[in-house]
Amino acid sequence: MRLNRYSVHGVVLESEIDLALPTTERETGPVITIRCGHVPLPTDWQFESRTRGLTGKPIYQVQHEGPSFVVAFPDRYVMQVTQHEILVDCHPSDAQVRPFVMAKPLSLCLELNGLVVLHAASCLIGDQLIALMGPSLAGKTSLSLALREYGHHIHTDDVIVLDPTDESFTVASGPIWSKVWPDTAERFVPDFYQSPLVTTATTKRMVARSRVHDAAKLAHLFALERTVDVDDVEIVPLAPAKALVSLVTMTHLAEIEVMLPNRAARMALLATLVDQIEVHQLRYPTGFDHLPKVVSLLDRYVSQRS
């Protein structure tokens, strides 16, 4: 079967499945193959996510044996992940599998290739790339959409892949969609219900957007804290040790970090990141009405340091 070639997160994906991404002819960078085939389901699991779906089952499960991982999304898909391949137990025409492949399985494959994946959105303020780190429901997408409303550009929506270069870190652009909840869409996405659902088990939808840059140098890191306990917006620098802890907990695979190979090299890479880029905590009140103040503060902060 002919494989489609896509470029995302700085790697080339050769896929039997239509991933609805920009195609590419590039030959550089790691190549990951995505194929369809049978994946045996393990009898037990080394990891089950604490977060549960609508049926009460874990969102995902992981089993590690030798060079491969099996990642299952109960009642939906099973995938086998190695350094250079994601084998998906589905038919190539199954468009519903796209967001599942592009989530934990792709992050795991990227990590097996020596890259570090953070749970973060990233936006360009002028020519400065900022990362907005936070777990699910931390407000990454709503803040990035607020920045877009004020003329800035979304670079990645949910994860950033760190590629260390000479004395800097480069972040390649991600998929050209943002995964948006209905309440956020009411404020920022007028044609929201024309966009496809991420999965049929959620009300979140995949909202298309344009790609602005292929890659950009990371300039600023912010750990988001959206809370009812503050009345104003503030940016607070984190001490190096606390910054490193924040980065470790905000890796996209933090829940299965103990199962990953090359943990020492991974930690050294994050420590280098802390040495090169100051990490701040961005604290702001809950509620969309406060986002203009957050955008204004980020604008001032970045312009004063560019």
C-alpha atoms as a PDB file:
ATOM      1  CA  MET A   1       0.000   0.000   0.000  1.00  0.00           C
ATOM      2  CA  ARG A   2       1.210   3.505  -0.866  1.00  0.00           C
ATOM      3  CA  LEU A   3       2.302   5.498   2.190  1.00  0.00           C
ATOM      4  CA  ASN A   4       1.427   9.164   2.654  1.00  0.00           C
ATOM      5  CA  ARG A   5       4.325  11.342   3.829  1.00  0.00           C
ATOM      6  CA  TYR A   6       3.693  14.050   6.407  1.00  0.00           C
ATOM      7  CA  SER A   7       5.903  16.465   8.336  1.00  0.00           C
ATOM      8  CA  VAL A   8       5.000  17.248  11.940  1.00  0.00           C
ATOM      9  CA  HIS A   9       6.966  17.943  15.132  1.00  0.00           C
ATOM     10  CA  GLY A  10      10.195  17.874  13.112  1.00  0.00           C
ATOM     11  CA  VAL A  11       9.827  14.258  11.978  1.00  0.00           C
ATOM     12  CA  VAL A  12       8.526  12.587   8.838  1.00  0.00           C
ATOM     13  CA  LEU A  13       5.519  10.296   9.183  1.00  0.00           C
ATOM     14  CA  GLU A  14       5.010   7.678   6.484  1.00  0.00           C
ATOM     15  CA  SER A  15       1.475   6.474   7.070  1.00  0.00           C
ATOM     16  CA  GLU A  16      -1.094   4.075   5.634  1.00  0.00           C
ATOM     17  CA  ILE A  17      -3.700   6.169   7.473  1.00  0.00           C
ATOM     18  CA  ASP A  18      -4.766   9.583   6.164  1.00  0.00           C
ATOM     19  CA  LEU A  19      -3.671  11.846   9.037  1.00  0.00           C
ATOM     20  CA  ALA A  20      -5.053  15.069   7.493  1.00  0.00           C
ATOM     21  CA  LEU A  21      -1.665  16.791   7.829  1.00  0.00           C
ATOM     22  CA  PRO A  22       0.422  18.732   5.277  1.00  0.00           C
ATOM     23  CA  THR A  23       2.287  16.311   3.017  1.00  0.00           C
ATOM     24  CA  THR A  24       6.048  16.614   2.534  1.00  0.00           C
ATOM     25  CA  GLU A  25       8.873  15.463   0.302  1.00  0.00           C
ATOM     26  CA  ARG A  26      11.571  16.216   2.896  1.00  0.00           C
ATOM     27  CA  GLU A  27      14.182  13.544   3.514  1.00  0.00           C
ATOM     28  CA  THR A  28      15.811  14.862   6.704  1.00  0.00           C
ATOM     29  CA  GLY A  29      14.976  14.020  10.296  1.00  0.00           C
ATOM     30  CA  PRO A  30      13.680  10.819  11.881  1.00  0.00           C
ATOM     31  CA  VAL A  31      11.175   8.799   9.846  1.00  0.00           C
ATOM     32  CA  ILE A  32       8.318   7.064  11.675  1.00  0.00           C
ATOM     33  CA  THR A  33       6.147   4.560   9.826  1.00  0.00           C
ATOM     34  CA  ILE A  34       2.483   4.144  10.726  1.00  0.00           C
ATOM     35  CA  ARG A  35       0.960   0.894   9.498  1.00  0.00           C
ATOM     36  CA  CYS A  36      -2.212  -1.079  10.093  1.00  0.00           C
ATOM     37  CA  GLY A  37      -2.127  -4.673  11.340  1.00  0.00           C
ATOM     38  CA  HIS A  38      -3.063  -7.009  14.141  1.00  0.00           C
ATOM     39  CA  VAL A  39      -1.751  -6.150  17.620  1.00  0.00           C
ATOM     40  CA  PRO A  40      -2.262  -8.831  20.301  1.00  0.00           C
ATOM     41  CA  LEU A  41      -3.914  -7.479  23.433  1.00  0.00           C
ATOM     42  CA  PRO A  42      -1.844  -8.118  26.617  1.00  0.00           C
ATOM     43  CA  THR A  43      -3.478 -10.053  29.434  1.00  0.00           C
ATOM     44  CA  ASP A  44      -2.392  -7.427  31.991  1.00  0.00           C
ATOM     45  CA  TRP A  45      -1.032  -3.886  32.036  1.00  0.00           C
ATOM     46  CA  GLN A  46       1.944  -2.239  33.714  1.00  0.00           C
ATOM     47  CA  PHE A  47       0.153   1.094  33.639  1.00  0.00           C
ATOM     48  CA  GLU A  48      -3.472   2.270  33.559  1.00  0.00           C
ATOM     49  CA  SER A  49      -4.307   5.972  33.538  1.00  0.00           C
ATOM     50  CA  ARG A  50      -6.004   7.315  36.621  1.00  0.00           C
ATOM     51  CA  THR A  51      -8.292   9.391  34.422  1.00  0.00           C
ATOM     52  CA  ARG A  52     -11.367   7.404  33.430  1.00  0.00           C
ATOM     53  CA  GLY A  53     -13.591   7.642  30.368  1.00  0.00           C
ATOM     54  CA  LEU A  54     -17.382   7.779  30.205  1.00  0.00           C
ATOM     55  CA  THR A  55     -17.584   3.986  30.664  1.00  0.00           C
ATOM     56  CA  GLY A  56     -15.417   4.059  33.784  1.00  0.00           C
ATOM     57  CA  LYS A  57     -12.464   2.415  32.046  1.00  0.00           C
ATOM     58  CA  PRO A  58      -8.956   3.976  31.929  1.00  0.00           C
ATOM     59  CA  ILE A  59      -8.376   6.471  29.138  1.00  0.00           C
ATOM     60  CA  TYR A  60      -5.325   4.482  28.100  1.00  0.00           C
ATOM     61  CA  GLN A  61      -3.175   1.523  29.174  1.00  0.00           C
ATOM     62  CA  VAL A  62       0.493   0.682  28.535  1.00  0.00           C
ATOM     63  CA  GLN A  63       2.499  -2.539  28.538  1.00  0.00           C
ATOM     64  CA  HIS A  64       6.273  -2.558  27.898  1.00  0.00           C
ATOM     65  CA  GLU A  65       8.204  -5.600  26.762  1.00  0.00           C
ATOM     66  CA  GLY A  66      11.643  -5.490  25.143  1.00  0.00           C
ATOM     67  CA  PRO A  67      11.961  -2.730  22.527  1.00  0.00           C
ATOM     68  CA  SER A  68       8.206  -2.317  22.073  1.00  0.00           C
ATOM     69  CA  PHE A  69       5.271  -0.811  23.932  1.00  0.00           C
ATOM     70  CA  VAL A  70       1.618  -1.694  23.555  1.00  0.00           C
ATOM     71  CA  VAL A  71      -0.739   1.257  24.057  1.00  0.00           C
ATOM     72  CA  ALA A  72      -4.471   0.556  24.290  1.00  0.00           C
ATOM     73  CA  PHE A  73      -7.452   2.880  24.362  1.00  0.00           C
ATOM     74  CA  PRO A  74     -10.088   0.522  25.832  1.00  0.00           C
ATOM     75  CA  ASP A  75     -12.945  -0.418  23.495  1.00  0.00           C
ATOM     76  CA  ARG A  76     -11.323   1.647  20.739  1.00  0.00           C
ATOM     77  CA  TYR A  77      -7.780   0.930  19.512  1.00  0.00           C
ATOM     78  CA  VAL A  78      -4.643  -1.048  20.314  1.00  0.00           C
ATOM     79  CA  MET A  79      -1.234   0.047  19.005  1.00  0.00           C
ATOM     80  CA  GLN A  80       2.296  -1.326  19.168  1.00  0.00           C
ATOM     81  CA  VAL A  81       4.991   1.344  19.365  1.00  0.00           C
ATOM     82  CA  THR A  82       8.700   0.936  18.624  1.00  0.00           C
ATOM     83  CA  GLN A  83      11.371   3.521  17.836  1.00  0.00           C
ATOM     84  CA  HIS A  84      10.538   3.699  14.144  1.00  0.00           C
ATOM     85  CA  GLU A  85       7.003   2.333  13.824  1.00  0.00           C
ATOM     86  CA  ILE A  86       3.469   2.599  15.159  1.00  0.00           C
ATOM     87  CA  LEU A  87       1.386  -0.472  14.282  1.00  0.00           C
ATOM     88  CA  VAL A  88      -2.329   0.276  14.598  1.00  0.00           C
ATOM     89  CA  ASP A  89      -5.000  -2.418  14.871  1.00  0.00           C
ATOM     90  CA  CYS A  90      -7.531  -0.783  12.535  1.00  0.00           C
ATOM     91  CA  HIS A  91      -8.446  -0.403   8.870  1.00  0.00           C
ATOM     92  CA  PRO A  92      -6.484   2.303   6.959  1.00  0.00           C
ATOM     93  CA  SER A  93      -9.750   4.091   6.090  1.00  0.00           C
ATOM     94  CA  ASP A  94     -10.671   4.612   9.773  1.00  0.00           C
ATOM     95  CA  ALA A  95     -10.454   8.406  10.153  1.00  0.00           C
ATOM     96  CA  GLN A  96     -11.512   8.208  13.818  1.00  0.00           C
ATOM     97  CA  VAL A  97      -8.078   6.838  14.753  1.00  0.00           C
ATOM     98  CA  ARG A  98      -6.180  10.040  13.855  1.00  0.00           C
ATOM     99  CA  PRO A  99      -6.303  11.821  17.248  1.00  0.00           C
ATOM    100  CA  PHE A 100      -5.428   8.595  19.061  1.00  0.00           C
ATOM    101  CA  VAL A 101      -2.296   8.005  16.952  1.00  0.00           C
ATOM    102  CA  MET A 102      -1.235  11.646  17.303  1.00  0.00           C
ATOM    103  CA  ALA A 103      -1.518  11.576  21.115  1.00  0.00           C
ATOM    104  CA  LYS A 104       0.384   9.253  23.481  1.00  0.00           C
ATOM    105  CA  PRO A 105       1.602   6.746  20.832  1.00  0.00           C
ATOM    106  CA  LEU A 106       3.331   9.415  18.722  1.00  0.00           C
ATOM    107  CA  SER A 107       4.769  11.089  21.846  1.00  0.00           C
ATOM    108  CA  LEU A 108       6.135   7.706  22.930  1.00  0.00           C
ATOM    109  CA  CYS A 109       7.698   7.128  19.507  1.00  0.00           C
ATOM    110  CA  LEU A 110       9.298  10.591  19.604  1.00  0.00           C
ATOM    111  CA  GLU A 111      10.701   9.917  23.078  1.00  0.00           C
ATOM    112  CA  LEU A 112      12.171   6.617  21.847  1.00  0.00           C
ATOM    113  CA  ASN A 113      13.983   8.702  19.215  1.00  0.00           C
ATOM    114  CA  GLY A 114      15.679  10.773  21.946  1.00  0.00           C
ATOM    115  CA  LEU A 115      13.335  13.764  21.839  1.00  0.00           C
ATOM    116  CA  VAL A 116      11.488  15.188  24.849  1.00  0.00           C
ATOM    117  CA  VAL A 117       7.782  15.980  24.538  1.00  0.00           C
ATOM    118  CA  LEU A 118       6.234  18.561  26.872  1.00  0.00           C
ATOM    119  CA  HIS A 119       2.525  18.911  27.594  1.00  0.00           C
ATOM    120  CA  ALA A 120       2.339  22.494  26.367  1.00  0.00           C
ATOM    121  CA  ALA A 121       0.969  24.824  23.728  1.00  0.00           C
ATOM    122  CA  SER A 122       3.284  27.287  22.033  1.00  0.00           C
ATOM    123  CA  CYS A 123       2.639  30.674  20.460  1.00  0.00           C
ATOM    124  CA  LEU A 124       4.652  33.290  18.625  1.00  0.00           C
ATOM    125  CA  ILE A 125       4.573  36.782  20.098  1.00  0.00           C
ATOM    126  CA  GLY A 126       6.350  38.720  17.377  1.00  0.00           C
ATOM    127  CA  ASP A 127       9.350  36.526  16.631  1.00  0.00           C
ATOM    128  CA  GLN A 128       9.540  35.133  20.190  1.00  0.00           C
ATOM    129  CA  LEU A 129       8.229  31.606  20.773  1.00  0.00           C
ATOM    130  CA  ILE A 130       6.661  31.041  24.193  1.00  0.00           C
ATOM    131  CA  ALA A 131       5.544  27.706  25.672  1.00  0.00           C
ATOM    132  CA  LEU A 132       2.468  27.459  27.903  1.00  0.00           C
ATOM    133  CA  MET A 133       2.863  24.311  30.028  1.00  0.00           C
ATOM    134  CA  GLY A 134       0.065  22.640  31.922  1.00  0.00           C
ATOM    135  CA  PRO A 135      -1.898  19.411  32.353  1.00  0.00           C
ATOM    136  CA  SER A 136      -5.241  18.781  30.715  1.00  0.00           C
ATOM    137  CA  LEU A 137      -7.796  21.496  31.578  1.00  0.00           C
ATOM    138  CA  ALA A 138      -5.048  23.942  32.638  1.00  0.00           C
ATOM    139  CA  GLY A 139      -6.145  26.489  30.021  1.00  0.00           C
ATOM    140  CA  LYS A 140      -3.428  26.052  27.370  1.00  0.00           C
ATOM    141  CA  THR A 141      -5.792  26.119  24.397  1.00  0.00           C
ATOM    142  CA  SER A 142      -8.003  28.958  25.632  1.00  0.00           C
ATOM    143  CA  LEU A 143      -4.962  31.153  26.351  1.00  0.00           C
ATOM    144  CA  SER A 144      -3.376  30.356  22.978  1.00  0.00           C
ATOM    145  CA  LEU A 145      -6.681  31.219  21.250  1.00  0.00           C
ATOM    146  CA  ALA A 146      -6.805  34.487  23.226  1.00  0.00           C
ATOM    147  CA  LEU A 147      -3.272  35.285  22.026  1.00  0.00           C
ATOM    148  CA  ARG A 148      -4.390  34.564  18.454  1.00  0.00           C
ATOM    149  CA  GLU A 149      -7.343  36.920  18.881  1.00  0.00           C
ATOM    150  CA  TYR A 150      -4.827  39.693  19.652  1.00  0.00           C
ATOM    151  CA  GLY A 151      -2.805  39.057  16.496  1.00  0.00           C
ATOM    152  CA  HIS A 152      -0.319  36.426  17.648  1.00  0.00           C
ATOM    153  CA  HIS A 153       0.147  32.983  16.104  1.00  0.00           C
ATOM    154  CA  ILE A 154      -0.425  29.488  17.495  1.00  0.00           C
ATOM    155  CA  HIS A 155       2.581  27.267  16.778  1.00  0.00           C
ATOM    156  CA  THR A 156       1.471  24.046  18.505  1.00  0.00           C
ATOM    157  CA  ASP A 157      -1.700  23.253  20.438  1.00  0.00           C
ATOM    158  CA  ASP A 158      -1.161  20.506  23.002  1.00  0.00           C
ATOM    159  CA  VAL A 159       2.436  19.267  22.912  1.00  0.00           C
ATOM    160  CA  ILE A 160       5.826  20.676  21.993  1.00  0.00           C
ATOM    161  CA  VAL A 161       8.773  18.546  20.948  1.00  0.00           C
ATOM    162  CA  LEU A 162      12.151  19.805  22.151  1.00  0.00           C
ATOM    163  CA  ASP A 163      14.976  19.541  19.628  1.00  0.00           C
ATOM    164  CA  PRO A 164      18.285  20.719  21.144  1.00  0.00           C
ATOM    165  CA  THR A 165      20.502  22.637  18.739  1.00  0.00           C
ATOM    166  CA  ASP A 166      23.619  24.752  19.352  1.00  0.00           C
ATOM    167  CA  GLU A 167      22.925  26.469  22.702  1.00  0.00           C
ATOM    168  CA  SER A 168      19.174  26.625  22.058  1.00  0.00           C
ATOM    169  CA  PHE A 169      16.049  24.537  21.705  1.00  0.00           C
ATOM    170  CA  THR A 170      13.964  24.484  18.539  1.00  0.00           C
ATOM    171  CA  VAL A 171      10.285  23.588  18.453  1.00  0.00           C
ATOM    172  CA  ALA A 172       8.839  22.325  15.173  1.00  0.00           C
ATOM    173  CA  SER A 173       5.227  23.069  14.311  1.00  0.00           C
ATOM    174  CA  GLY A 174       2.586  20.548  15.308  1.00  0.00           C
ATOM    175  CA  PRO A 175      -0.672  19.400  13.695  1.00  0.00           C
ATOM    176  CA  ILE A 176      -2.640  22.217  12.062  1.00  0.00           C
ATOM    177  CA  TRP A 177      -5.600  21.985  14.410  1.00  0.00           C
ATOM    178  CA  SER A 178      -6.461  22.952  17.973  1.00  0.00           C
ATOM    179  CA  LYS A 179      -8.536  20.652  20.163  1.00  0.00           C
ATOM    180  CA  VAL A 180     -11.193  22.937  21.665  1.00  0.00           C
ATOM    181  CA  TRP A 181     -13.897  22.476  24.300  1.00  0.00           C
ATOM    182  CA  PRO A 182     -17.373  23.954  23.604  1.00  0.00           C
ATOM    183  CA  ASP A 183     -17.160  26.565  26.382  1.00  0.00           C
ATOM    184  CA  THR A 184     -13.873  27.863  24.958  1.00  0.00           C
ATOM    185  CA  ALA A 185     -15.337  27.776  21.451  1.00  0.00           C
ATOM    186  CA  GLU A 186     -18.260  29.996  22.480  1.00  0.00           C
ATOM    187  CA  ARG A 187     -15.695  32.709  23.162  1.00  0.00           C
ATOM    188  CA  PHE A 188     -13.165  32.159  20.362  1.00  0.00           C
ATOM    189  CA  VAL A 189     -14.472  29.868  17.567  1.00  0.00           C
ATOM    190  CA  PRO A 190     -17.751  30.994  15.946  1.00  0.00           C
ATOM    191  CA  ASP A 191     -17.938  28.100  13.440  1.00  0.00           C
ATOM    192  CA  PHE A 192     -17.029  25.489  16.054  1.00  0.00           C
ATOM    193  CA  TYR A 193     -19.768  22.966  15.277  1.00  0.00           C
ATOM    194  CA  GLN A 194     -18.592  22.632  11.677  1.00  0.00           C
ATOM    195  CA  SER A 195     -15.362  21.074  12.976  1.00  0.00           C
ATOM    196  CA  PRO A 196     -15.078  17.293  13.578  1.00  0.00           C
ATOM    197  CA  LEU A 197     -15.180  15.791  17.054  1.00  0.00           C
ATOM    198  CA  VAL A 198     -11.842  14.653  18.455  1.00  0.00           C
ATOM    199  CA  THR A 199     -13.582  11.384  19.345  1.00  0.00           C
ATOM    200  CA  THR A 200     -17.217  10.384  19.693  1.00  0.00           C
ATOM    201  CA  ALA A 201     -16.679  10.044  23.457  1.00  0.00           C
ATOM    202  CA  THR A 202     -15.966  13.757  23.944  1.00  0.00           C
ATOM    203  CA  THR A 203     -17.450  17.147  23.081  1.00  0.00           C
ATOM    204  CA  LYS A 204     -14.022  18.517  22.179  1.00  0.00           C
ATOM    205  CA  ARG A 205     -13.564  19.326  18.458  1.00  0.00           C
ATOM    206  CA  MET A 206     -10.567  19.652  16.131  1.00  0.00           C
ATOM    207  CA  VAL A 207     -10.535  23.248  14.861  1.00  0.00           C
ATOM    208  CA  ALA A 208      -8.323  23.805  11.826  1.00  0.00           C
ATOM    209  CA  ARG A 209      -5.795  26.639  11.725  1.00  0.00           C
ATOM    210  CA  SER A 210      -2.968  27.700   9.426  1.00  0.00           C
ATOM    211  CA  ARG A 211       0.687  26.789   9.820  1.00  0.00           C
ATOM    212  CA  VAL A 212       2.862  29.899  10.194  1.00  0.00           C
ATOM    213  CA  HIS A 213       6.405  28.549  10.648  1.00  0.00           C
ATOM    214  CA  ASP A 214       7.956  25.116  10.309  1.00  0.00           C
ATOM    215  CA  ALA A 215      10.183  25.637  13.366  1.00  0.00           C
ATOM    216  CA  ALA A 216      11.092  28.358  15.832  1.00  0.00           C
ATOM    217  CA  LYS A 217      13.615  28.853  18.620  1.00  0.00           C
ATOM    218  CA  LEU A 218      12.060  28.552  22.076  1.00  0.00           C
ATOM    219  CA  ALA A 219      12.489  31.793  24.023  1.00  0.00           C
ATOM    220  CA  HIS A 220      10.261  31.602  27.130  1.00  0.00           C
ATOM    221  CA  LEU A 221       8.630  28.876  29.273  1.00  0.00           C
ATOM    222  CA  PHE A 222       5.554  29.448  31.427  1.00  0.00           C
ATOM    223  CA  ALA A 223       3.932  26.954  33.807  1.00  0.00           C
ATOM    224  CA  LEU A 224       0.230  27.834  33.911  1.00  0.00           C
ATOM    225  CA  GLU A 225      -1.696  28.108  37.150  1.00  0.00           C
ATOM    226  CA  ARG A 226      -5.298  29.108  36.527  1.00  0.00           C
ATOM    227  CA  THR A 227      -6.977  29.424  39.915  1.00  0.00           C
ATOM    228  CA  VAL A 228      -9.825  31.002  41.876  1.00  0.00           C
ATOM    229  CA  ASP A 229      -7.341  31.916  44.625  1.00  0.00           C
ATOM    230  CA  VAL A 230      -5.891  35.015  42.915  1.00  0.00           C
ATOM    231  CA  ASP A 231      -7.467  38.278  41.745  1.00  0.00           C
ATOM    232  CA  ASP A 232      -4.734  39.494  39.436  1.00  0.00           C
ATOM    233  CA  VAL A 233      -2.267  38.202  36.852  1.00  0.00           C
ATOM    234  CA  GLU A 234       1.352  37.645  37.781  1.00  0.00           C
ATOM    235  CA  ILE A 235       4.526  36.124  36.353  1.00  0.00           C
ATOM    236  CA  VAL A 236       6.835  34.627  38.986  1.00  0.00           C
ATOM    237  CA  PRO A 237      10.284  33.195  38.166  1.00  0.00           C
ATOM    238  CA  LEU A 238      10.884  29.646  39.374  1.00  0.00           C
ATOM    239  CA  ALA A 239      14.124  28.647  41.081  1.00  0.00           C
ATOM    240  CA  PRO A 240      16.126  26.180  38.938  1.00  0.00           C
ATOM    241  CA  ALA A 241      15.283  23.144  41.102  1.00  0.00           C
ATOM    242  CA  LYS A 242      11.582  23.954  41.102  1.00  0.00           C
ATOM    243  CA  ALA A 243      11.702  24.700  37.377  1.00  0.00           C
ATOM    244  CA  LEU A 244      13.224  21.285  36.698  1.00  0.00           C
ATOM    245  CA  VAL A 245      10.522  19.556  38.749  1.00  0.00           C
ATOM    246  CA  SER A 246       7.891  21.489  36.808  1.00  0.00           C
ATOM    247  CA  LEU A 247       9.374  20.374  33.487  1.00  0.00           C
ATOM    248  CA  VAL A 248       9.566  16.736  34.565  1.00  0.00           C
ATOM    249  CA  THR A 249       5.906  16.723  35.671  1.00  0.00           C
ATOM    250  CA  MET A 250       4.883  18.495  32.457  1.00  0.00           C
ATOM    251  CA  THR A 251       6.397  15.989  30.056  1.00  0.00           C
ATOM    252  CA  HIS A 252       3.603  14.454  27.988  1.00  0.00           C
ATOM    253  CA  LEU A 253       4.516  10.960  29.212  1.00  0.00           C
ATOM    254  CA  ALA A 254       5.102  11.859  32.873  1.00  0.00           C
ATOM    255  CA  GLU A 255       2.705   9.108  33.992  1.00  0.00           C
ATOM    256  CA  ILE A 256       4.865   6.387  32.419  1.00  0.00           C
ATOM    257  CA  GLU A 257       8.254   8.089  32.823  1.00  0.00           C
ATOM    258  CA  VAL A 258       9.653   5.150  34.824  1.00  0.00           C
ATOM    259  CA  MET A 259       9.050   2.866  31.843  1.00  0.00           C
ATOM    260  CA  LEU A 260      11.035   4.978  29.366  1.00  0.00           C
ATOM    261  CA  PRO A 261      14.623   4.176  28.343  1.00  0.00           C
ATOM    262  CA  ASN A 262      17.443   6.746  28.532  1.00  0.00           C
ATOM    263  CA  ARG A 263      15.972   8.429  31.610  1.00  0.00           C
ATOM    264  CA  ALA A 264      19.346   9.917  32.619  1.00  0.00           C
ATOM    265  CA  ALA A 265      19.831  11.511  29.186  1.00  0.00           C
ATOM    266  CA  ARG A 266      16.262  12.789  29.300  1.00  0.00           C
ATOM    267  CA  MET A 267      16.824  14.427  32.693  1.00  0.00           C
ATOM    268  CA  ALA A 268      20.115  15.951  31.516  1.00  0.00           C
ATOM    269  CA  LEU A 269      18.313  17.476  28.525  1.00  0.00           C
ATOM    270  CA  LEU A 270      15.674  19.054  30.764  1.00  0.00           C
ATOM    271  CA  ALA A 271      18.402  20.383  33.096  1.00  0.00           C
ATOM    272  CA  THR A 272      20.109  21.987  30.092  1.00  0.00           C
ATOM    273  CA  LEU A 273      16.794  23.561  29.147  1.00  0.00           C
ATOM    274  CA  VAL A 274      16.497  25.110  32.632  1.00  0.00           C
ATOM    275  CA  ASP A 275      20.060  26.456  32.307  1.00  0.00           C
ATOM    276  CA  GLN A 276      19.297  28.102  28.962  1.00  0.00           C
ATOM    277  CA  ILE A 277      15.702  29.323  29.346  1.00  0.00           C
ATOM    278  CA  GLU A 278      14.232  30.799  32.510  1.00  0.00           C
ATOM    279  CA  VAL A 279      11.010  29.092  33.586  1.00  0.00           C
ATOM    280  CA  HIS A 280       8.207  31.196  35.067  1.00  0.00           C
ATOM    281  CA  GLN A 281       4.925  30.464  36.741  1.00  0.00           C
ATOM    282  CA  LEU A 282       2.029  32.334  35.123  1.00  0.00           C
ATOM    283  CA  ARG A 283      -0.775  32.700  37.652  1.00  0.00           C
ATOM    284  CA  TYR A 284      -4.137  34.158  36.697  1.00  0.00           C
ATOM    285  CA  PRO A 285      -7.802  34.004  37.767  1.00  0.00           C
ATOM    286  CA  THR A 286     -10.251  31.538  36.290  1.00  0.00           C
ATOM    287  CA  GLY A 287     -12.602  32.963  33.667  1.00  0.00           C
ATOM    288  CA  PHE A 288     -12.361  34.091  30.044  1.00  0.00           C
ATOM    289  CA  ASP A 289     -12.865  37.741  31.043  1.00  0.00           C
ATOM    290  CA  HIS A 290      -9.384  37.744  32.614  1.00  0.00           C
ATOM    291  CA  LEU A 291      -7.576  36.512  29.485  1.00  0.00           C
ATOM    292  CA  PRO A 292      -7.074  39.987  27.924  1.00  0.00           C
ATOM    293  CA  LYS A 293      -5.058  40.956  31.011  1.00  0.00           C
ATOM    294  CA  VAL A 294      -3.001  37.775  30.686  1.00  0.00           C
ATOM    295  CA  VAL A 295      -2.294  38.509  27.019  1.00  0.00           C
ATOM    296  CA  SER A 296      -1.333  42.099  27.861  1.00  0.00           C
ATOM    297  CA  LEU A 297       1.104  40.973  30.558  1.00  0.00           C
ATOM    298  CA  LEU A 298       2.685  38.387  28.253  1.00  0.00           C
ATOM    299  CA  ASP A 299       3.016  41.050  25.541  1.00  0.00           C
ATOM    300  CA  ARG A 300       4.861  43.387  27.911  1.00  0.00           C
ATOM    301  CA  TYR A 301       7.028  40.625  29.348  1.00  0.00           C
ATOM    302  CA  VAL A 302       8.175  39.377  25.943  1.00  0.00           C
ATOM    303  CA  SER A 303       8.713  42.847  24.457  1.00  0.00           C
ATOM    304  CA  GLN A 304      10.889  43.885  27.417  1.00  0.00           C
ATOM    305  CA  ARG A 305      13.143  40.857  26.865  1.00  0.00           C
ATOM    306  CA  SER A 306      13.355  40.715  23.089  1.00  0.00           C
END
